[in-house]
Amino acid sequence: MEIKVYLNPNPVLRGEILTNPWDKKSEMKNNPFLEIVLCNFPLGEYNIEILSPLFLKQKAIVTSSYASTYFLNPEFEDPFISQVKLKVVGEKLKKELSLPVKIHKLTGRVFDFNENPFPAYIWATHEEKVVNEIIVKTDNEGRFTLYYSEEKKLRVFVDDASYSKSTLECWIIAKELREDMEINPHIGDFEFYDFNVWFSSGIWHIFFMPSSLKSLDSPPELTKDDINVWINGMKAEIKSLIVHQEYTGKDKYYPACLLNVITKEKEFCSPVLVRAQVNSPEKGRGEAWYIY
């Protein structure tokens, strides 16, 4: 059994509603919260009390090995909270402990492909729907700060209300945010969906499923010349592009790309910033980032 604590200290937001290409709507709103996760606890009912930095209590019903309980409170809008003291009481269990809170920030400035500032939403999404989202909005010059807990997968969507109409999102991905990072994403009409990166035997492997508003009926057919990759800001060499049919569930398949990429350097210190970009008038413009 393990208890995990995650803080969302980002400010209250009440934004627009974004609609994806399949007409699914998402409201851009944020409330500061503290998330308590009970991992591998026996099924049943538990009382959770936050004892510090403020006093709150709530019941939690554990029905799976990963059970989240959210405590929403404006006082959690504080990225300098460093510790939470709590008590968890169940039928045959009582735990009182203090847990560290580790917060890092992702900062940057959003641009379009003409290098104009692009005001947008910065949305830490999940592959499955969650009760409370983490979303911030840039200022009018595209600048943003997103506070995010360490030890959680980072999967950031960047776009505005033009999403799926004239633009597609840029993705910023990391297994976890281990330190403060600065990234300046660009928004266009091409998407690197399900962007993933791994390093093995001196070769960078980059996976994505391409999508473009230039060809809604079918994804664009890319060549190596259409794609650029940078590793820590240095241009990398794409040795191969493999296109295959990726199973997406419910007996459906979608074209996916796998790049094999090399650089002169064979060893890297973490974190490594991987940036992939398509910039084609015919096939679309877009990019994605991976913090490795």
Protein backbone atom coordinates (compact mmCIF):
# COMPACT_ATOMS: atom_id res chain seq x y z
CA MET A 1 0.00 0.00 0.00
CA GLU A 2 1.17 3.49 -0.80
CA ILE A 3 -0.23 7.02 -0.51
CA LYS A 4 0.70 9.62 -3.12
CA VAL A 5 0.09 13.37 -3.01
CA TYR A 6 -0.17 15.64 -6.06
CA LEU A 7 -0.79 19.39 -5.97
CA ASN A 8 -2.37 21.58 -8.64
CA PRO A 9 -1.40 25.13 -7.59
CA ASN A 10 -2.38 26.75 -10.88
CA PRO A 11 -4.86 29.66 -10.66
CA VAL A 12 -8.61 29.47 -11.13
CA LEU A 13 -9.53 29.59 -14.82
CA ARG A 14 -12.86 29.90 -16.60
CA GLY A 15 -12.16 29.75 -20.32
CA GLU A 16 -13.77 28.77 -23.59
CA ILE A 17 -15.10 25.43 -24.81
CA LEU A 18 -12.89 23.57 -27.28
CA THR A 19 -14.37 21.09 -29.76
CA ASN A 20 -12.33 18.28 -31.28
CA PRO A 21 -12.74 16.88 -34.82
CA TRP A 22 -15.30 14.33 -33.51
CA ASP A 23 -17.45 17.08 -31.94
CA LYS A 24 -16.39 16.23 -28.37
CA LYS A 25 -16.42 19.37 -26.22
CA SER A 26 -14.02 20.25 -23.41
CA GLU A 27 -14.40 23.24 -21.12
CA MET A 28 -11.16 25.06 -20.38
CA LYS A 29 -11.42 25.50 -16.61
CA ASN A 30 -9.11 24.99 -13.67
CA ASN A 31 -9.54 24.84 -9.90
CA PRO A 32 -6.59 24.51 -7.52
CA PHE A 33 -6.66 21.13 -5.78
CA LEU A 34 -4.80 18.53 -3.79
CA GLU A 35 -5.08 14.96 -5.08
CA ILE A 36 -4.63 12.07 -2.66
CA VAL A 37 -4.09 8.69 -4.31
CA LEU A 38 -4.53 5.44 -2.39
CA CYS A 39 -2.48 2.79 -4.21
CA ASN A 40 -3.19 -0.93 -3.66
CA PHE A 41 -5.45 -0.32 -0.67
CA PRO A 42 -8.06 -2.96 0.26
CA LEU A 43 -11.42 -2.20 -1.32
CA GLY A 44 -13.78 -0.25 0.91
CA GLU A 45 -14.47 3.13 2.49
CA TYR A 46 -11.84 5.40 4.05
CA ASN A 47 -11.86 8.76 5.80
CA ILE A 48 -9.10 11.10 4.61
CA GLU A 49 -8.21 14.14 6.71
CA ILE A 50 -5.79 16.82 5.53
CA LEU A 51 -4.17 18.13 8.74
CA SER A 52 -1.73 20.60 7.18
CA PRO A 53 -1.31 23.08 5.44
CA LEU A 54 -5.07 23.43 6.08
CA PHE A 55 -7.73 21.20 7.59
CA LEU A 56 -10.10 19.36 5.23
CA LYS A 57 -11.76 15.96 5.34
CA GLN A 58 -13.53 13.72 2.86
CA LYS A 59 -14.64 10.12 2.38
CA ALA A 60 -12.92 7.97 -0.24
CA ILE A 61 -14.41 4.86 -1.80
CA VAL A 62 -11.70 2.49 -3.03
CA THR A 63 -12.90 0.30 -5.90
CA SER A 64 -9.59 -0.22 -7.71
CA SER A 65 -5.85 -0.34 -7.10
CA TYR A 66 -5.54 3.39 -7.92
CA ALA A 67 -8.12 5.54 -6.13
CA SER A 68 -7.98 9.35 -6.36
CA THR A 69 -9.69 11.79 -4.01
CA TYR A 70 -9.64 15.51 -4.82
CA PHE A 71 -9.69 18.34 -2.28
CA LEU A 72 -10.60 21.59 -4.03
CA ASN A 73 -9.71 24.79 -2.21
CA PRO A 74 -8.46 28.23 -3.40
CA GLU A 75 -5.69 28.09 -0.76
CA PHE A 76 -4.02 25.33 -2.77
CA GLU A 77 -3.08 28.02 -5.32
CA ASP A 78 0.39 28.05 -3.82
CA PRO A 79 3.32 26.39 -5.66
CA PHE A 80 5.48 26.76 -2.53
CA ILE A 81 3.54 24.20 -0.48
CA SER A 82 6.25 21.64 0.24
CA GLN A 83 4.60 19.16 2.60
CA VAL A 84 1.18 17.75 3.41
CA LYS A 85 0.25 16.10 6.68
CA LEU A 86 -2.71 13.74 6.48
CA LYS A 87 -4.56 10.90 8.18
CA VAL A 88 -6.26 7.95 6.49
CA VAL A 89 -8.65 5.76 8.51
CA GLY A 90 -10.36 2.58 7.31
CA GLU A 91 -12.08 -0.38 8.92
CA LYS A 92 -8.80 -2.11 9.81
CA LEU A 93 -6.31 0.62 9.04
CA LYS A 94 -5.13 3.93 10.43
CA LYS A 95 -2.23 5.93 8.97
CA GLU A 96 -1.01 9.39 9.91
CA LEU A 97 1.96 10.72 7.98
CA SER A 98 3.63 13.69 6.31
CA LEU A 99 4.43 13.53 2.60
CA PRO A 100 6.61 15.86 0.51
CA VAL A 101 5.09 17.88 -2.33
CA LYS A 102 7.39 18.31 -5.33
CA ILE A 103 6.35 20.92 -7.88
CA HIS A 104 8.13 22.03 -11.04
CA LYS A 105 7.13 24.55 -13.66
CA LEU A 106 6.91 24.42 -17.42
CA THR A 107 7.31 27.88 -18.93
CA GLY A 108 7.60 29.28 -22.41
CA ARG A 109 5.94 31.21 -25.17
CA VAL A 110 3.58 29.92 -27.88
CA PHE A 111 4.00 31.02 -31.50
CA ASP A 112 2.42 30.28 -34.86
CA PHE A 113 4.58 29.27 -37.83
CA ASN A 114 4.98 32.91 -38.85
CA GLU A 115 6.63 33.49 -35.44
CA ASN A 116 3.70 35.56 -34.21
CA PRO A 117 2.68 35.18 -30.55
CA PHE A 118 -0.20 32.69 -30.27
CA PRO A 119 -2.36 33.01 -27.11
CA ALA A 120 -3.44 29.48 -26.19
CA TYR A 121 -4.49 27.06 -23.49
CA ILE A 122 -1.88 24.83 -21.85
CA TRP A 123 -3.78 21.71 -20.81
CA ALA A 124 -2.21 18.82 -18.89
CA THR A 125 -4.44 16.12 -20.32
CA HIS A 126 -4.82 12.45 -19.47
CA GLU A 127 -5.44 9.51 -21.79
CA GLU A 128 -8.54 8.75 -19.71
CA LYS A 129 -11.04 11.34 -18.53
CA VAL A 130 -10.39 12.68 -15.03
CA VAL A 131 -12.64 14.56 -12.61
CA ASN A 132 -10.48 17.69 -12.36
CA GLU A 133 -8.29 19.03 -15.15
CA ILE A 134 -5.10 21.11 -14.91
CA ILE A 135 -5.25 24.01 -17.40
CA VAL A 136 -3.67 27.45 -17.66
CA LYS A 137 -3.95 30.14 -20.31
CA THR A 138 -1.14 32.17 -21.84
CA ASP A 139 -1.11 35.94 -21.73
CA ASN A 140 -1.79 37.95 -24.88
CA GLU A 141 1.86 37.53 -25.93
CA GLY A 142 1.70 33.72 -25.67
CA ARG A 143 3.72 33.47 -22.43
CA PHE A 144 2.75 30.79 -19.94
CA THR A 145 3.65 29.08 -16.67
CA LEU A 146 2.26 25.66 -15.81
CA TYR A 147 2.99 24.21 -12.37
CA TYR A 148 3.01 20.40 -12.30
CA SER A 149 3.76 17.67 -9.77
CA GLU A 150 6.84 15.52 -10.06
CA GLU A 151 6.34 11.75 -10.53
CA LYS A 152 3.29 12.21 -12.77
CA LYS A 153 3.29 11.67 -16.52
CA LEU A 154 3.13 15.00 -18.35
CA ARG A 155 0.96 15.13 -21.47
CA VAL A 156 0.34 18.75 -22.46
CA PHE A 157 -2.05 19.92 -25.19
CA VAL A 158 -1.35 23.41 -26.60
CA ASP A 159 -3.93 25.23 -28.77
CA ASP A 160 -6.77 27.75 -28.64
CA ALA A 161 -10.45 27.87 -29.66
CA SER A 162 -9.44 27.49 -33.32
CA TYR A 163 -8.57 23.85 -32.49
CA SER A 164 -9.85 21.42 -35.17
CA LYS A 165 -11.10 24.33 -37.29
CA SER A 166 -7.93 26.01 -38.54
CA THR A 167 -5.31 24.58 -36.16
CA LEU A 168 -4.29 21.32 -34.51
CA GLU A 169 -2.54 20.98 -31.17
CA CYS A 170 1.12 20.81 -30.30
CA TRP A 171 2.01 18.11 -27.75
CA ILE A 172 4.60 18.33 -24.96
CA ILE A 173 5.23 14.92 -23.40
CA ALA A 174 7.36 13.62 -20.51
CA LYS A 175 7.29 10.54 -18.32
CA GLU A 176 7.62 13.03 -15.50
CA LEU A 177 8.78 16.61 -14.98
CA ARG A 178 11.96 16.33 -12.87
CA GLU A 179 12.99 20.00 -13.01
CA ASP A 180 11.82 23.37 -14.31
CA MET A 181 11.76 23.44 -18.11
CA GLU A 182 11.30 26.11 -20.80
CA ILE A 183 9.73 25.19 -24.17
CA ASN A 184 8.45 27.50 -26.92
CA PRO A 185 5.88 25.49 -28.92
CA HIS A 186 4.57 26.36 -32.39
CA ILE A 187 0.95 25.86 -33.50
CA GLY A 188 -0.07 25.00 -37.06
CA ASP A 189 -2.45 22.65 -38.87
CA PHE A 190 -0.49 19.39 -38.39
CA GLU A 191 -0.45 17.10 -35.35
CA PHE A 192 2.00 14.51 -34.01
CA TYR A 193 -0.61 12.44 -32.18
CA ASP A 194 0.49 9.90 -29.52
CA PHE A 195 4.03 11.27 -29.73
CA ASN A 196 6.56 9.01 -28.02
CA VAL A 197 10.36 8.86 -27.85
CA TRP A 198 12.88 6.32 -26.55
CA PHE A 199 16.64 5.86 -26.82
CA SER A 200 18.31 2.49 -27.38
CA SER A 201 21.76 1.38 -28.58
CA GLY A 202 22.71 4.87 -29.72
CA ILE A 203 19.53 5.40 -31.77
CA TRP A 204 16.57 7.67 -31.03
CA HIS A 205 13.21 6.12 -31.87
CA ILE A 206 10.30 8.50 -32.46
CA PHE A 207 6.72 7.29 -32.82
CA PHE A 208 3.65 9.31 -33.84
CA MET A 209 0.40 9.16 -35.77
CA PRO A 210 0.18 12.04 -38.27
CA SER A 211 -2.89 14.19 -38.74
CA SER A 212 -3.39 17.29 -40.86
CA LEU A 213 -6.21 19.67 -41.68
CA LYS A 214 -4.81 19.64 -45.23
CA SER A 215 -6.14 16.10 -45.68
CA LEU A 216 -8.97 15.33 -43.30
CA ASP A 217 -10.11 12.18 -45.08
CA SER A 218 -6.72 10.47 -44.72
CA PRO A 219 -3.43 11.40 -43.03
CA PRO A 220 -0.68 12.90 -45.19
CA GLU A 221 1.89 10.55 -46.71
CA LEU A 222 5.16 11.76 -45.23
CA THR A 223 8.72 11.24 -46.39
CA LYS A 224 11.93 11.75 -44.44
CA ASP A 225 12.37 15.10 -46.18
CA ASP A 226 9.10 16.37 -44.70
CA ILE A 227 10.29 15.93 -41.11
CA ASN A 228 12.96 17.67 -39.04
CA VAL A 229 14.20 16.50 -35.64
CA TRP A 230 16.34 18.36 -33.09
CA ILE A 231 17.94 16.79 -30.00
CA ASN A 232 18.81 19.45 -27.42
CA GLY A 233 18.61 22.05 -30.19
CA MET A 234 21.02 20.22 -32.51
CA LYS A 235 19.73 19.01 -35.89
CA ALA A 236 19.58 15.20 -35.96
CA GLU A 237 19.76 12.83 -38.93
CA ILE A 238 16.72 10.72 -39.78
CA LYS A 239 18.04 7.36 -40.98
CA SER A 240 14.69 5.73 -41.67
CA LEU A 241 10.95 6.33 -41.69
CA ILE A 242 8.74 3.29 -41.27
CA VAL A 243 4.99 3.64 -41.86
CA HIS A 244 2.69 0.91 -40.57
CA GLN A 245 -0.92 0.37 -39.56
CA GLU A 246 -1.36 0.89 -35.81
CA TYR A 247 -4.24 -0.88 -34.06
CA THR A 248 -6.36 1.74 -32.24
CA GLY A 249 -9.08 -0.49 -30.79
CA LYS A 250 -12.53 -1.63 -31.88
CA ASP A 251 -11.08 -3.31 -35.00
CA LYS A 252 -9.73 0.00 -36.30
CA TYR A 253 -6.27 0.78 -37.64
CA TYR A 254 -4.52 4.09 -38.35
CA PRO A 255 -1.26 4.90 -40.19
CA ALA A 256 1.62 5.48 -37.77
CA CYS A 257 5.23 6.56 -38.28
CA LEU A 258 8.41 5.33 -36.62
CA LEU A 259 11.59 7.35 -37.12
CA ASN A 260 15.11 6.07 -36.44
CA VAL A 261 17.28 9.09 -35.69
CA ILE A 262 20.98 9.49 -34.89
CA THR A 263 23.16 12.30 -33.59
CA LYS A 264 26.90 12.76 -33.29
CA GLU A 265 26.57 12.47 -29.52
CA LYS A 266 25.92 8.98 -28.17
CA GLU A 267 25.57 9.83 -24.47
CA PHE A 268 23.27 12.42 -22.94
CA CYS A 269 22.58 13.96 -19.55
CA SER A 270 18.93 14.12 -18.51
CA PRO A 271 16.76 15.92 -19.37
CA VAL A 272 17.03 15.69 -23.15
CA LEU A 273 14.69 17.85 -25.27
CA VAL A 274 13.48 16.14 -28.46
CA ARG A 275 11.61 18.29 -30.98
CA ALA A 276 10.00 16.98 -34.17
CA GLN A 277 8.50 19.26 -36.81
CA VAL A 278 6.71 19.12 -40.15
CA ASN A 279 6.72 22.38 -42.08
CA SER A 280 5.13 21.79 -45.48
CA PRO A 281 2.71 24.04 -47.39
CA GLU A 282 1.10 20.91 -48.90
CA LYS A 283 1.06 18.53 -45.91
CA GLY A 284 0.77 20.90 -42.98
CA ARG A 285 2.80 22.59 -40.28
CA GLY A 286 3.14 21.33 -36.74
CA GLU A 287 5.50 20.13 -34.07
CA ALA A 288 5.77 18.09 -30.86
CA TRP A 289 8.19 18.01 -27.94
CA TYR A 290 9.39 15.19 -25.69
CA ILE A 291 11.30 15.68 -22.43
CA TYR A 292 13.41 12.55 -22.10
